[in-house]
Amino acid sequence: MMLWTIFIFLIFLWVLGIVSGFVGSYIHFLLIAAVTVIIISLIKRK
């Protein structure tokens, strides 16, 4: 559940970064990292 909260928060920040054009690349990197962690977490659960 905590991972999903972080994931949603990072998506929000990513969209905000795209809209404002400020620190967009940094937020994009964090989003990719979050997606990777979630995928690894889902794989380990099975």
PDB file of N, CA and C in Angstrom:
ATOM      1  N   MET A   1       0.825  -1.197   0.000  1.00  0.00           N
ATOM      2  CA  MET A   1       0.000   0.000   0.000  1.00  0.00           C
ATOM      3  C   MET A   1       0.870   1.263   0.000  1.00  0.00           C
ATOM      4  N   MET A   2       1.949   1.232   0.759  1.00  0.00           N
ATOM      5  CA  MET A   2       2.846   2.388   0.820  1.00  0.00           C
ATOM      6  C   MET A   2       3.457   2.683  -0.540  1.00  0.00           C
ATOM      7  N   LEU A   3       3.805   1.615  -1.279  1.00  0.00           N
ATOM      8  CA  LEU A   3       4.381   1.818  -2.614  1.00  0.00           C
ATOM      9  C   LEU A   3       3.394   2.516  -3.544  1.00  0.00           C
ATOM     10  N   TRP A   4       2.115   2.143  -3.455  1.00  0.00           N
ATOM     11  CA  TRP A   4       1.121   2.780  -4.315  1.00  0.00           C
ATOM     12  C   TRP A   4       0.958   4.252  -3.967  1.00  0.00           C
ATOM     13  N   THR A   5       1.028   4.584  -2.679  1.00  0.00           N
ATOM     14  CA  THR A   5       0.932   5.982  -2.266  1.00  0.00           C
ATOM     15  C   THR A   5       2.089   6.784  -2.844  1.00  0.00           C
ATOM     16  N   ILE A   6       3.293   6.231  -2.745  1.00  0.00           N
ATOM     17  CA  ILE A   6       4.475   6.896  -3.298  1.00  0.00           C
ATOM     18  C   ILE A   6       4.343   7.021  -4.812  1.00  0.00           C
ATOM     19  N   PHE A   7       3.854   5.968  -5.446  1.00  0.00           N
ATOM     20  CA  PHE A   7       3.688   5.954  -6.895  1.00  0.00           C
ATOM     21  C   PHE A   7       2.721   7.059  -7.348  1.00  0.00           C
ATOM     22  N   ILE A   8       1.575   7.158  -6.693  1.00  0.00           N
ATOM     23  CA  ILE A   8       0.589   8.189  -7.040  1.00  0.00           C
ATOM     24  C   ILE A   8       1.172   9.586  -6.815  1.00  0.00           C
ATOM     25  N   PHE A   9       1.897   9.748  -5.701  1.00  0.00           N
ATOM     26  CA  PHE A   9       2.517  11.038  -5.404  1.00  0.00           C
ATOM     27  C   PHE A   9       3.531  11.421  -6.477  1.00  0.00           C
ATOM     28  N   LEU A  10       4.335  10.454  -6.918  1.00  0.00           N
ATOM     29  CA  LEU A  10       5.336  10.741  -7.947  1.00  0.00           C
ATOM     30  C   LEU A  10       4.694  11.045  -9.295  1.00  0.00           C
ATOM     31  N   ILE A  11       3.597  10.355  -9.610  1.00  0.00           N
ATOM     32  CA  ILE A  11       2.880  10.665 -10.857  1.00  0.00           C
ATOM     33  C   ILE A  11       2.367  12.101 -10.807  1.00  0.00           C
ATOM     34  N   PHE A  12       1.819  12.498  -9.654  1.00  0.00           N
ATOM     35  CA  PHE A  12       1.337  13.871  -9.486  1.00  0.00           C
ATOM     36  C   PHE A  12       2.472  14.875  -9.693  1.00  0.00           C
ATOM     37  N   LEU A  13       3.626  14.608  -9.070  1.00  0.00           N
ATOM     38  CA  LEU A  13       4.771  15.502  -9.224  1.00  0.00           C
ATOM     39  C   LEU A  13       5.279  15.528 -10.658  1.00  0.00           C
ATOM     40  N   TRP A  14       5.238  14.365 -11.326  1.00  0.00           N
ATOM     41  CA  TRP A  14       5.696  14.270 -12.710  1.00  0.00           C
ATOM     42  C   TRP A  14       4.828  15.121 -13.618  1.00  0.00           C
ATOM     43  N   VAL A  15       3.502  15.003 -13.460  1.00  0.00           N
ATOM     44  CA  VAL A  15       2.578  15.804 -14.262  1.00  0.00           C
ATOM     45  C   VAL A  15       2.785  17.281 -13.966  1.00  0.00           C
ATOM     46  N   LEU A  16       2.957  17.607 -12.707  1.00  0.00           N
ATOM     47  CA  LEU A  16       3.201  18.996 -12.319  1.00  0.00           C
ATOM     48  C   LEU A  16       4.485  19.507 -12.969  1.00  0.00           C
ATOM     49  N   GLY A  17       5.508  18.674 -13.012  1.00  0.00           N
ATOM     50  CA  GLY A  17       6.770  19.047 -13.642  1.00  0.00           C
ATOM     51  C   GLY A  17       6.630  19.267 -15.139  1.00  0.00           C
ATOM     52  N   ILE A  18       5.821  18.449 -15.789  1.00  0.00           N
ATOM     53  CA  ILE A  18       5.601  18.606 -17.231  1.00  0.00           C
ATOM     54  C   ILE A  18       4.842  19.913 -17.496  1.00  0.00           C
ATOM     55  N   VAL A  19       3.816  20.159 -16.684  1.00  0.00           N
ATOM     56  CA  VAL A  19       2.996  21.359 -16.878  1.00  0.00           C
ATOM     57  C   VAL A  19       3.823  22.625 -16.652  1.00  0.00           C
ATOM     58  N   SER A  20       4.609  22.636 -15.594  1.00  0.00           N
ATOM     59  CA  SER A  20       5.382  23.834 -15.271  1.00  0.00           C
ATOM     60  C   SER A  20       6.701  23.893 -16.039  1.00  0.00           C
ATOM     61  N   GLY A  21       7.182  22.737 -16.491  1.00  0.00           N
ATOM     62  CA  GLY A  21       8.452  22.699 -17.203  1.00  0.00           C
ATOM     63  C   GLY A  21       9.649  22.836 -16.267  1.00  0.00           C
ATOM     64  N   PHE A  22       9.407  22.745 -14.968  1.00  0.00           N
ATOM     65  CA  PHE A  22      10.457  22.939 -13.960  1.00  0.00           C
ATOM     66  C   PHE A  22      10.773  21.601 -13.308  1.00  0.00           C
ATOM     67  N   VAL A  23      12.037  21.243 -13.266  1.00  0.00           N
ATOM     68  CA  VAL A  23      12.545  19.972 -12.740  1.00  0.00           C
ATOM     69  C   VAL A  23      11.806  18.759 -13.307  1.00  0.00           C
ATOM     70  N   GLY A  24      11.361  18.865 -14.532  1.00  0.00           N
ATOM     71  CA  GLY A  24      10.619  17.768 -15.173  1.00  0.00           C
ATOM     72  C   GLY A  24      11.460  16.524 -15.352  1.00  0.00           C
ATOM     73  N   SER A  25      12.713  16.694 -15.725  1.00  0.00           N
ATOM     74  CA  SER A  25      13.565  15.529 -15.970  1.00  0.00           C
ATOM     75  C   SER A  25      13.884  14.793 -14.667  1.00  0.00           C
ATOM     76  N   TYR A  26      14.045  15.537 -13.573  1.00  0.00           N
ATOM     77  CA  TYR A  26      14.330  14.910 -12.281  1.00  0.00           C
ATOM     78  C   TYR A  26      13.121  14.108 -11.805  1.00  0.00           C
ATOM     79  N   ILE A  27      11.932  14.683 -11.939  1.00  0.00           N
ATOM     80  CA  ILE A  27      10.709  13.983 -11.547  1.00  0.00           C
ATOM     81  C   ILE A  27      10.506  12.764 -12.435  1.00  0.00           C
ATOM     82  N   HIS A  28      10.829  12.883 -13.718  1.00  0.00           N
ATOM     83  CA  HIS A  28      10.701  11.760 -14.640  1.00  0.00           C
ATOM     84  C   HIS A  28      11.600  10.614 -14.202  1.00  0.00           C
ATOM     85  N   PHE A  29      12.812  10.925 -13.776  1.00  0.00           N
ATOM     86  CA  PHE A  29      13.733   9.904 -13.285  1.00  0.00           C
ATOM     87  C   PHE A  29      13.167   9.225 -12.043  1.00  0.00           C
ATOM     88  N   LEU A  30      12.599  10.013 -11.129  1.00  0.00           N
ATOM     89  CA  LEU A  30      12.003   9.440  -9.916  1.00  0.00           C
ATOM     90  C   LEU A  30      10.816   8.544 -10.257  1.00  0.00           C
ATOM     91  N   LEU A  31      10.029   8.940 -11.255  1.00  0.00           N
ATOM     92  CA  LEU A  31       8.884   8.124 -11.662  1.00  0.00           C
ATOM     93  C   LEU A  31       9.349   6.782 -12.212  1.00  0.00           C
ATOM     94  N   ILE A  32      10.387   6.799 -13.033  1.00  0.00           N
ATOM     95  CA  ILE A  32      10.922   5.551 -13.573  1.00  0.00           C
ATOM     96  C   ILE A  32      11.422   4.657 -12.439  1.00  0.00           C
ATOM     97  N   ALA A  33      12.093   5.253 -11.453  1.00  0.00           N
ATOM     98  CA  ALA A  33      12.581   4.489 -10.306  1.00  0.00           C
ATOM     99  C   ALA A  33      11.411   3.880  -9.531  1.00  0.00           C
ATOM    100  N   ALA A  34      10.342   4.642  -9.331  1.00  0.00           N
ATOM    101  CA  ALA A  34       9.175   4.154  -8.593  1.00  0.00           C
ATOM    102  C   ALA A  34       8.503   3.000  -9.331  1.00  0.00           C
ATOM    103  N   VAL A  35       8.355   3.127 -10.637  1.00  0.00           N
ATOM    104  CA  VAL A  35       7.744   2.062 -11.432  1.00  0.00           C
ATOM    105  C   VAL A  35       8.591   0.798 -11.350  1.00  0.00           C
ATOM    106  N   THR A  36       9.900   0.944 -11.408  1.00  0.00           N
ATOM    107  CA  THR A  36      10.798  -0.205 -11.311  1.00  0.00           C
ATOM    108  C   THR A  36      10.637  -0.903  -9.971  1.00  0.00           C
ATOM    109  N   VAL A  37      10.574  -0.135  -8.884  1.00  0.00           N
ATOM    110  CA  VAL A  37      10.405  -0.723  -7.548  1.00  0.00           C
ATOM    111  C   VAL A  37       9.074  -1.452  -7.443  1.00  0.00           C
ATOM    112  N   ILE A  38       8.015  -0.881  -7.983  1.00  0.00           N
ATOM    113  CA  ILE A  38       6.693  -1.521  -7.929  1.00  0.00           C
ATOM    114  C   ILE A  38       6.691  -2.819  -8.719  1.00  0.00           C
ATOM    115  N   ILE A  39       7.298  -2.819  -9.885  1.00  0.00           N
ATOM    116  CA  ILE A  39       7.353  -4.040 -10.703  1.00  0.00           C
ATOM    117  C   ILE A  39       8.129  -5.132  -9.975  1.00  0.00           C
ATOM    118  N   ILE A  40       9.266  -4.771  -9.381  1.00  0.00           N
ATOM    119  CA  ILE A  40      10.052  -5.749  -8.631  1.00  0.00           C
ATOM    120  C   ILE A  40       9.247  -6.284  -7.450  1.00  0.00           C
ATOM    121  N   SER A  41       8.518  -5.406  -6.769  1.00  0.00           N
ATOM    122  CA  SER A  41       7.689  -5.811  -5.641  1.00  0.00           C
ATOM    123  C   SER A  41       6.601  -6.789  -6.072  1.00  0.00           C
ATOM    124  N   LEU A  42       5.966  -6.519  -7.199  1.00  0.00           N
ATOM    125  CA  LEU A  42       4.908  -7.403  -7.696  1.00  0.00           C
ATOM    126  C   LEU A  42       5.486  -8.767  -8.100  1.00  0.00           C
ATOM    127  N   ILE A  43       6.656  -8.773  -8.681  1.00  0.00           N
ATOM    128  CA  ILE A  43       7.290 -10.035  -9.091  1.00  0.00           C
ATOM    129  C   ILE A  43       7.643 -10.876  -7.871  1.00  0.00           C
ATOM    130  N   LYS A  44       8.159 -10.238  -6.834  1.00  0.00           N
ATOM    131  CA  LYS A  44       8.548 -10.967  -5.611  1.00  0.00           C
ATOM    132  C   LYS A  44       7.335 -11.534  -4.882  1.00  0.00           C
ATOM    133  N   ARG A  45       6.183 -10.908  -5.010  1.00  0.00           N
ATOM    134  CA  ARG A  45       4.968 -11.385  -4.341  1.00  0.00           C
ATOM    135  C   ARG A  45       4.484 -12.706  -4.909  1.00  0.00           C
ATOM    136  N   LYS A  46       4.689 -12.926  -6.197  1.00  0.00           N
ATOM    137  CA  LYS A  46       4.140 -14.125  -6.852  1.00  0.00           C
ATOM    138  C   LYS A  46       4.956 -15.352  -6.554  1.00  0.00           C
TER     139      LYS A  46
END
